Protein backbone atom coordinates (compact mmCIF):
# COMPACT_ATOMS: atom_id res chain seq x y z
CA MET A 1 106.19 83.33 54.73
CA SER A 2 109.82 82.88 56.50
CA GLU A 3 110.18 84.00 60.22
CA THR A 4 112.93 86.57 59.14
CA LYS A 5 110.16 87.81 56.56
CA ASN A 6 108.00 87.73 59.78
CA VAL A 7 110.05 89.91 61.48
CA LYS A 8 110.69 92.89 58.26
CA MET A 9 106.94 93.05 58.07
CA GLN A 10 106.64 93.48 61.78
CA VAL A 11 109.40 96.20 61.77
CA MET A 12 107.55 97.86 59.33
CA GLU A 13 104.20 98.07 60.28
CA LEU A 14 105.60 98.67 63.53
CA LEU A 15 107.79 101.99 62.10
CA GLU A 16 103.81 102.74 61.08
CA ASP A 17 102.23 102.29 64.50
CA GLU A 18 100.21 105.10 66.12
CA ASN A 19 101.03 103.51 69.21
CA LEU A 20 104.18 103.94 68.70
CA ALA A 21 103.89 107.35 67.89
CA THR A 22 101.64 108.03 71.31
CA LEU A 23 103.88 106.06 73.24
CA GLU A 24 107.14 108.39 72.00
CA GLU A 25 105.02 111.48 72.72
CA ARG A 26 103.85 110.18 76.34
CA ILE A 27 107.35 109.76 77.83
CA GLY A 28 109.20 112.10 75.52
CA ALA A 29 109.18 114.84 78.09
CA VAL A 30 112.17 115.35 79.59
CA ASN A 31 111.80 114.27 83.33
CA LEU A 32 114.38 115.73 86.20
CA PHE A 33 114.01 112.65 88.08
CA GLU A 34 114.34 110.24 85.33
CA ALA A 35 117.67 111.92 84.35
CA ALA A 36 119.44 111.82 88.15
CA ASP A 37 118.37 107.94 87.79
CA MET A 38 115.94 107.41 90.24
CA GLY A 39 114.12 104.77 89.26
CA ARG A 40 112.92 102.40 92.36
CA GLN A 41 115.52 103.60 94.58
CA GLU A 42 113.99 103.78 98.21
CA ILE A 43 116.99 106.60 99.73
CA ARG A 44 116.49 108.86 96.32
CA HIS A 45 112.57 108.34 97.15
CA SER A 46 112.76 108.77 100.71
CA ALA A 47 115.00 112.08 100.07
CA PHE A 48 112.54 113.83 97.81
CA LEU A 49 109.52 113.23 100.03
CA ARG A 50 111.60 114.40 103.47
CA TRP A 51 111.90 117.63 101.09
CA VAL A 52 108.11 118.02 100.35
CA MET A 53 107.47 117.38 103.96
CA ASP A 54 110.04 119.49 105.38
CA PRO A 55 108.18 122.74 106.74
CA ALA A 56 111.94 124.16 106.24
CA SER A 57 112.51 123.16 102.37
CA PRO A 58 112.62 126.21 99.98
CA HIS A 59 109.57 124.61 98.44
CA GLY A 60 107.03 127.52 99.72
CA LEU A 61 104.74 125.26 100.72
CA GLY A 62 105.21 125.62 105.23
CA ASP A 63 103.46 122.76 107.40
CA THR A 64 100.51 122.13 104.38
CA PRO A 65 102.02 119.20 102.84
CA LEU A 66 102.19 117.63 106.54
CA HIS A 67 98.51 117.91 107.13
CA ARG A 68 97.70 117.19 103.58
CA LEU A 69 99.74 113.18 104.22
CA LEU A 70 98.20 113.13 107.84
CA ALA A 71 94.81 113.89 106.36
CA ARG A 72 95.05 110.68 103.69
CA LEU A 73 96.62 108.83 106.04
CA PHE A 74 93.01 109.06 108.71
CA MET A 75 90.92 108.61 105.61
CA THR A 76 92.68 105.70 104.49
CA ASN A 77 93.14 104.25 107.96
CA GLU A 78 89.84 105.98 109.98
CA GLY A 79 90.01 105.66 113.60
CA GLY A 80 92.57 106.75 114.52
CA ASN A 81 93.48 109.19 117.09
CA PHE A 82 95.51 111.95 115.06
CA ALA A 83 92.70 113.47 113.43
CA ASP A 84 93.30 116.66 115.36
CA PHE A 85 97.06 117.14 113.93
CA ALA A 86 96.01 117.87 110.42
CA VAL A 87 94.55 121.34 111.33
CA SER A 88 97.50 121.79 113.82
CA ASP A 89 100.15 124.07 113.41
CA LEU A 90 103.60 121.86 112.44
CA GLY A 91 105.73 124.22 111.59
CA ASP A 92 108.88 123.24 113.52
CA ALA A 93 108.39 119.82 112.12
CA VAL A 94 112.09 117.94 111.76
CA VAL A 95 112.10 115.43 108.80
CA ARG A 96 114.95 113.39 108.27
CA THR A 97 115.88 110.39 106.40
CA GLU A 98 117.64 106.72 107.33
CA THR A 99 117.72 107.69 111.54
CA GLN A 100 119.17 104.81 113.65
CA ALA A 101 117.13 103.12 115.49
CA GLY A 102 119.46 101.81 118.14
CA ASN A 103 120.61 98.64 117.26
CA ASN A 104 117.95 98.30 114.96
CA GLY A 105 118.63 99.42 111.67
CA ARG A 106 117.91 102.76 109.96
CA MET A 107 114.27 104.06 109.73
CA ASP A 108 113.40 105.75 106.08
CA ILE A 109 111.79 108.47 107.56
CA LEU A 110 111.02 110.14 110.61
CA VAL A 111 109.17 113.17 111.59
CA THR A 112 108.92 114.86 115.06
CA SER A 113 107.13 117.73 116.23
CA GLU A 114 108.30 118.94 119.51
CA SER A 115 105.16 121.31 119.94
CA ARG A 116 102.52 118.48 119.43
CA ARG A 117 104.75 116.04 121.11
CA LEU A 118 104.10 113.66 117.72
CA VAL A 119 106.32 111.04 115.97
CA LEU A 120 105.55 109.86 112.34
CA CYS A 121 107.64 106.84 111.59
CA ILE A 122 107.56 106.07 107.55
CA GLU A 123 109.14 102.83 106.18
CA ASN A 124 109.31 103.36 102.67
CA LYS A 125 109.69 100.43 100.44
CA THR A 126 109.46 100.76 95.97
CA GLY A 127 110.84 97.31 95.04
CA SER A 128 112.38 95.08 98.03
CA GLN A 129 110.63 93.56 100.83
CA LEU A 130 110.38 93.77 104.56
CA HIS A 131 112.49 92.08 106.63
CA ASP A 132 113.99 90.75 110.04
CA CYS A 133 110.99 91.95 111.81
CA GLN A 134 112.24 95.72 111.09
CA LEU A 135 108.32 97.04 111.76
CA GLU A 136 108.22 95.50 115.32
CA ALA A 137 111.83 96.91 116.03
CA TYR A 138 111.38 100.27 115.07
CA ARG A 139 107.83 100.60 116.66
CA GLU A 140 109.68 99.36 119.82
CA TYR A 141 112.73 101.14 119.96
CA LEU A 142 110.25 104.33 119.10
CA GLU A 143 107.65 103.43 122.06
CA ARG A 144 111.03 104.05 124.51
CA GLU A 145 112.84 106.79 122.97
CA TYR A 146 108.96 109.00 122.91
CA ASP A 147 106.90 107.61 125.56
CA GLY A 148 104.10 110.11 126.36
CA TRP A 149 104.18 110.96 122.51
CA THR A 150 101.32 110.48 119.64
CA ARG A 151 103.58 107.83 117.72
CA LEU A 152 102.35 107.27 114.02
CA TYR A 153 103.89 104.09 112.32
CA VAL A 154 102.92 103.86 108.37
CA LEU A 155 104.16 101.29 105.66
CA LEU A 156 104.16 103.51 102.48
CA ALA A 157 104.65 100.79 99.65
CA PRO A 158 103.59 100.47 95.99
CA ASP A 159 99.52 99.69 95.51
CA ASP A 160 100.70 95.99 94.64
CA PHE A 161 102.98 95.40 97.25
CA VAL A 162 102.08 92.07 99.32
CA PRO A 163 104.49 92.21 102.26
CA GLU A 164 105.15 88.41 103.62
CA GLU A 165 102.59 87.56 106.55
CA LYS A 166 105.01 87.08 109.02
CA GLN A 167 106.61 90.51 108.80
CA ILE A 168 103.08 92.15 108.96
CA ASP A 169 102.13 89.69 112.29
CA HIS A 170 104.75 91.62 113.95
CA GLY A 171 103.67 94.87 112.48
CA GLY A 172 101.72 96.13 115.51
CA ASP A 173 100.21 99.04 115.14
CA TRP A 174 101.51 99.97 110.98
CA MET A 175 99.16 102.07 109.29
CA ARG A 176 99.30 101.12 105.11
CA LEU A 177 99.88 104.06 102.97
CA ASN A 178 100.04 103.72 99.40
CA TYR A 179 102.21 105.41 96.90
CA SER A 180 98.53 106.22 95.03
CA ASP A 181 97.57 108.24 98.06
CA ILE A 182 101.05 109.95 97.97
CA ALA A 183 100.16 110.96 94.59
CA GLU A 184 97.01 112.28 95.08
CA VAL A 185 98.33 114.23 98.47
CA LEU A 186 101.33 115.80 95.74
CA LYS A 187 99.20 116.42 93.06
CA GLY A 188 96.52 118.27 95.53
CA LEU A 189 99.87 120.90 96.31
CA LEU A 190 99.89 121.67 92.74
CA PRO A 191 97.41 124.64 92.96
CA SER A 192 99.64 126.23 95.70
CA ALA A 193 102.78 125.28 94.73
CA ASN A 194 105.43 127.77 92.90
CA GLU A 195 106.08 127.03 89.26
CA LYS A 196 109.26 125.05 90.36
CA THR A 197 108.07 123.24 92.65
CA GLY A 198 105.21 122.29 90.81
CA LEU A 199 107.16 121.18 87.84
CA LEU A 200 109.11 118.84 90.47
CA ILE A 201 106.07 117.30 91.51
CA GLU A 202 104.31 116.43 88.27
CA ASP A 203 108.04 115.40 87.50
CA TYR A 204 108.20 113.03 90.39
CA VAL A 205 104.09 111.46 90.04
CA ASP A 206 105.09 111.08 86.23
CA LEU A 207 108.00 108.72 87.21
CA LEU A 208 105.80 106.79 89.74
CA LYS A 209 103.77 106.23 86.50
CA ARG A 210 106.64 105.12 84.11
CA GLU A 211 108.14 102.83 86.94
CA GLY A 212 105.46 101.11 87.71
CA ILE A 213 104.89 102.07 91.41
CA ILE A 214 101.51 103.72 90.73
CA GLU A 215 99.18 102.47 88.02
CA ASP A 216 98.71 104.38 84.93
CA PRO A 217 96.44 102.36 82.36
CA GLN A 218 97.68 104.32 79.35
CA LEU A 219 100.80 103.27 79.60
CA ASP A 220 99.85 99.90 80.49
CA ARG A 221 97.60 99.42 77.16
CA LEU A 222 99.87 101.01 74.88
CA THR A 223 103.01 99.00 76.06
CA THR A 224 100.86 95.51 75.96
CA ASP A 225 99.30 96.30 73.02
CA LEU A 226 102.95 97.12 71.27
CA TYR A 227 104.44 94.02 72.92
CA LYS A 228 101.84 91.04 71.93
CA ARG A 229 102.03 92.43 68.11
CA TYR A 230 105.33 93.18 68.01
CA SER A 231 106.98 90.50 69.97
CA GLN A 232 109.42 88.80 67.74
CA VAL A 233 110.76 92.56 67.07
CA PHE A 234 111.22 93.32 71.07
CA ASP A 235 112.95 89.68 71.27
CA ARG A 236 115.10 90.58 68.75
CA ILE A 237 116.02 93.97 70.43
CA ALA A 238 116.68 92.28 73.16
CA VAL A 239 119.59 90.39 71.30
CA TYR A 240 120.89 92.75 68.99
CA ARG A 241 120.05 96.45 70.57
CA ASN A 242 123.89 97.50 71.35
CA ASP A 243 125.79 95.34 68.39
CA ASN A 244 126.57 97.31 65.41
CA ASN A 245 128.14 94.49 63.57
CA GLU A 246 126.94 94.36 59.89
CA LYS A 247 127.40 90.56 59.13
CA ASN A 248 124.44 90.17 61.43
CA GLU A 249 121.54 88.42 59.83
CA ALA A 250 119.31 90.87 58.37
CA ASP A 251 116.55 91.13 60.90
CA GLY A 252 119.28 91.60 63.52
CA ARG A 253 120.67 94.89 62.25
CA LEU A 254 116.47 95.51 61.65
CA ALA A 255 116.37 95.24 65.29
CA ALA A 256 119.53 97.10 65.94
CA GLY A 257 118.69 100.24 63.73
CA LEU A 258 115.08 100.12 65.44
CA TYR A 259 116.61 100.31 68.82
CA ARG A 260 118.93 103.34 67.58
CA MET A 261 115.72 105.20 66.38
CA HIS A 262 113.67 104.64 69.17
CA GLY A 263 115.51 103.32 72.51
CA PRO A 264 113.73 104.70 75.33
CA ALA A 265 110.33 103.71 73.72
CA PHE A 266 111.64 99.95 73.19
CA ASP A 267 113.29 100.23 76.82
CA LEU A 268 110.06 100.63 78.58
CA VAL A 269 107.99 98.18 76.44
CA ASN A 270 110.65 95.82 77.62
CA LYS A 271 110.34 96.72 81.10
CA ARG A 272 107.08 96.44 81.78
CA CYS A 273 106.31 93.32 79.12
CA THR A 274 109.45 91.18 78.73
CA GLY A 275 111.42 89.13 81.40
CA ARG A 276 109.52 88.42 84.68
CA ASN A 277 106.90 91.09 83.62
CA GLY A 278 106.02 89.47 80.43
CA THR A 279 105.42 85.89 82.57
CA GLU A 280 103.25 87.77 84.85
CA GLY A 281 101.44 89.46 81.81
CA HIS A 282 101.06 85.68 80.18
CA LEU A 283 100.08 84.15 83.42
CA ARG A 284 97.56 86.99 83.91
CA ASP A 285 96.19 86.33 80.47
CA ILE A 286 95.73 82.57 81.68
CA TYR A 287 94.02 83.46 84.86
CA LEU A 288 91.47 85.99 83.55
CA LYS A 289 90.35 83.75 80.91
CA VAL A 290 89.71 80.92 83.61
CA LEU A 291 87.92 83.61 85.86
CA ASN A 292 85.47 84.93 82.56
CA ASP A 293 84.78 80.67 81.64
CA MET A 294 83.69 80.43 85.10
CA LYS A 295 81.87 83.57 84.95
CA GLN A 296 80.14 82.19 82.09
CA LYS A 297 79.08 79.23 83.51
CA GLY A 298 77.33 80.79 86.62
CA LEU A 299 79.79 80.01 88.89
CA LEU A 300 80.78 83.44 89.47
CA SER A 301 78.58 86.68 89.31
CA SER A 302 81.25 88.77 88.48
CA CYS A 303 84.99 89.10 87.91
CA ALA A 304 88.23 91.22 86.40
CA PRO A 305 87.57 92.02 82.62
CA LEU A 306 89.75 90.14 79.78
CA ASP A 307 91.71 93.33 79.23
CA SER A 308 92.39 94.15 82.88
CA THR A 309 96.18 94.76 83.59
CA ARG A 310 96.08 95.18 87.10
CA LYS A 311 97.99 92.69 89.78
CA TYR A 312 95.00 92.02 92.10
CA LEU A 313 92.32 90.03 90.10
CA PHE A 314 88.95 90.22 91.43
CA PHE A 315 86.03 87.66 91.26
CA HIS A 316 82.66 87.35 93.16
CA THR A 317 79.80 84.66 93.98
CA PRO A 318 76.41 84.43 93.47
CA ARG A 319 76.39 83.10 96.99
CA MET A 320 78.45 85.73 99.01
CA ASP A 321 76.81 88.58 96.92
CA THR A 322 73.72 87.69 98.90
CA TYR A 323 75.11 87.44 102.24
CA LEU A 324 77.24 90.57 102.08
CA PRO A 325 75.82 93.01 99.33
CA LYS A 326 77.19 95.71 97.72
CA SER A 327 76.86 99.21 100.50
CA LYS A 328 75.71 102.41 99.54
CA GLU A 329 78.76 103.85 101.12
CA LYS A 330 82.29 103.53 98.98
CA GLY A 331 83.55 101.79 101.55
CA THR A 332 87.33 99.97 101.60
CA TRP A 333 87.52 99.76 97.77
CA GLY A 334 85.56 102.49 96.86
CA ASP A 335 82.93 100.86 94.75
CA GLY A 336 80.49 99.66 97.55
CA ARG A 337 82.08 96.33 97.87
CA THR A 338 82.06 94.68 100.98
CA TYR A 339 84.24 91.69 99.92
CA ASN A 340 86.41 90.58 97.13
CA PHE A 341 87.76 87.18 96.67
CA TRP A 342 91.21 88.00 95.04
CA ILE A 343 93.83 86.07 92.56
CA TYR A 344 96.75 87.50 95.20
CA PRO A 345 99.90 88.66 93.79
CA SER A 346 102.22 87.61 93.05
CA LEU A 347 100.89 86.31 89.64
CA LEU A 348 104.14 84.64 89.48
CA LYS A 349 103.05 82.83 92.66
CA PRO A 350 99.60 83.23 93.45
CA THR A 351 97.04 82.67 96.28
CA VAL A 352 93.43 82.60 96.23
CA LYS A 353 91.90 85.12 99.17
CA LEU A 354 88.81 85.82 100.59
CA GLU A 355 88.79 89.55 101.93
CA LEU A 356 86.40 91.13 103.73
CA GLY A 357 86.32 95.48 103.91
CA ALA A 358 84.42 96.38 107.25
CA TRP A 359 85.12 100.46 106.50
CA GLN A 360 82.32 102.76 106.41
CA GLN A 361 79.88 100.02 107.04
CA THR A 362 76.96 99.65 108.98
CA ASP A 363 76.66 97.53 112.09
CA GLU A 364 74.84 95.20 110.38
CA VAL A 365 77.37 94.46 107.74
CA ILE A 366 80.55 94.15 110.65
CA GLU A 367 78.09 91.67 112.37
CA ARG A 368 78.09 89.83 109.20
CA GLN A 369 81.23 89.87 108.51
CA GLU A 370 82.57 88.97 111.62
CA GLN A 371 80.45 85.88 111.90
CA LEU A 372 82.02 84.49 108.48
CA ARG A 373 85.99 85.61 110.26
CA LYS A 374 84.94 83.11 112.94
CA ALA A 375 83.18 80.80 110.63
CA ALA A 376 86.81 80.31 109.06
CA TYR A 377 88.40 80.82 112.29
CA GLU A 378 86.72 77.75 113.72
CA ASP A 379 86.39 75.39 110.45
CA LYS A 380 88.96 72.64 110.83
CA TYR A 381 89.45 72.39 106.89
CA ILE A 382 90.70 76.21 106.46
CA THR A 383 94.62 76.36 108.03
CA SER A 384 95.06 80.10 107.33
CA ARG A 385 92.90 82.04 109.55
CA ALA A 386 92.14 85.70 110.95
CA THR A 387 92.48 85.79 114.64
CA LYS A 388 91.77 89.48 115.03
CA GLU A 389 88.43 90.78 115.37
CA ILE A 390 86.69 92.97 112.78
CA THR A 391 85.56 96.16 113.93
CA ARG A 392 84.99 99.22 112.50
CA GLN A 393 88.51 100.23 112.62
CA THR A 394 88.88 97.22 110.12
CA LYS A 395 89.99 98.19 106.84
CA TYR A 396 90.91 95.09 105.05
CA ARG A 397 91.00 91.37 106.84
CA ILE A 398 91.73 87.74 104.54
CA ILE A 399 90.17 85.19 106.09
CA THR A 400 90.54 82.10 104.23
CA SER A 401 93.87 81.53 101.47
CA VAL A 402 93.79 78.59 99.31
CA PRO A 403 97.39 78.19 97.55
CA THR A 404 97.11 77.68 93.53
CA GLY A 405 100.73 75.26 93.61
CA ILE A 406 101.79 77.77 90.67
CA ASP A 407 105.09 78.92 91.06
CA MET A 408 106.94 80.80 88.28
CA SER A 409 109.26 82.76 90.62
CA GLY A 410 112.51 81.65 89.70
CA ASP A 411 114.80 83.62 88.05
CA ASP A 412 115.23 81.63 85.27
CA ALA A 413 111.27 81.17 84.56
CA ALA A 414 110.19 82.51 81.57
CA ALA A 415 106.98 82.96 79.82
CA ALA A 416 107.83 80.42 76.78
CA ASP A 417 108.20 77.57 80.07
CA ILE A 418 104.59 77.95 80.66
CA ASP A 419 102.06 75.31 80.79
CA GLU A 420 98.84 76.87 80.13
CA ASN A 421 96.97 73.70 80.76
CA ASP A 422 98.83 73.14 84.13
CA ILE A 423 98.41 76.62 84.94
CA GLU A 424 94.73 76.53 84.29
CA THR A 425 94.00 73.33 85.93
CA LYS A 426 96.01 74.47 88.81
CA LEU A 427 94.05 77.66 89.55
CA ARG A 428 90.50 75.92 88.79
CA ASN A 429 91.22 73.35 91.05
CA ALA A 430 92.16 76.58 93.61
CA ILE A 431 88.63 78.78 93.13
CA ASP A 432 87.08 75.49 93.48
CA GLN A 433 88.75 75.26 96.82
CA MET A 434 87.81 78.58 98.01
CA LEU A 435 84.50 77.93 96.65
CA ASP A 436 84.04 74.69 98.91
CA ASN A 437 85.29 76.99 102.19
CA GLU A 438 82.52 79.87 100.66
CA ARG A 439 79.54 76.80 100.80
CA ARG A 440 81.01 75.51 104.19
CA LEU A 441 81.06 78.97 105.92
CA LEU A 442 77.71 80.38 104.69
CA ASN A 443 76.23 77.16 105.86
CA THR A 444 78.01 77.84 109.08
CA VAL A 445 76.74 81.14 109.84
CA ASN A 446 73.14 80.77 108.07
CA ASN A 447 71.49 77.87 110.37
């Protein structure tokens, strides 16, 4: 069968594919924020969140959104001194966006309550990275301007956002809040919201899913499955989607016609599965293959499944399971785990990391984690070290990191350029090095 006939057959099969119909039904509803082309524009996201948080906004929710936000912030960053504010009258709160921080740039969202002497600064990241030690600059400005107030500093970002370590090192007291937390806060407001406000909240949460700011397993499965089965069709659409030239080759005309019929669905598949995202997806499949092969050989006790669509890929080992077994408490990751090894994003340029989670754990577990951190800090073969002590207030702490040498982050990197054998070898070598680190650390703490 010729390639052209292959493409023709794929087009016909795609037209009958139930997943295409399901995807179109899923994204077919009108979304006000998508109509306004919000996308990942941080200023627009900040503007909507400001509207929700402002007690003076005509949404009818008063200061309830602020209470819910503070409660979620406390639950995800246990140990702060701000629990009382979640049940205090914050009706006088003023919420602003793009507030000047002296000569140090503009703060995305700033909440101030004069009566409670509370200031909440939110740095919002939906697509860009931190830069110029901006967290430290904002913190220093607010320390001067709001001396004697309770000052809360929040970095709001997608769940898979990985800040540059040098930016976080200067971050001081900044707490992390994920957009999945924001989605839960907003959904929790729906029973109290009027009809119009409820529609806005639902559309906003839906936009977060469409843009990949928060996870949507259904969309991931649908788009990934369609792209894998009909990759040649999507490649043709990328070339011919806006071309109406009747003299084009037959499969080009088919692709253009198909795009005219189903454009929004194909745009979403392309956004999530081609270009850099497509390269990430290909790399993820290789990483998962390596992890599951090592699990089969008994080197790992568990790992991310082959069908995972996440950007953080976990694995565990028999030896570390013995030293840090699962807890009865949900803990940092909600599953009782007190540690995770990660293939750590970005998937285009990953590292292998060992991360400890102390949240909600017993004194015994925290002491074991701290011994492990100290052993890593003193290990002469480990260059990436955690200097801060692990305590009850520690939610996450990466104690050792191994670079993989994989780098597909260039603008011209494409899935077709991937050398699978080379990628597999580099990842296996990095994991082997991490397992060597584990062996030395556990020998140290157990002796």
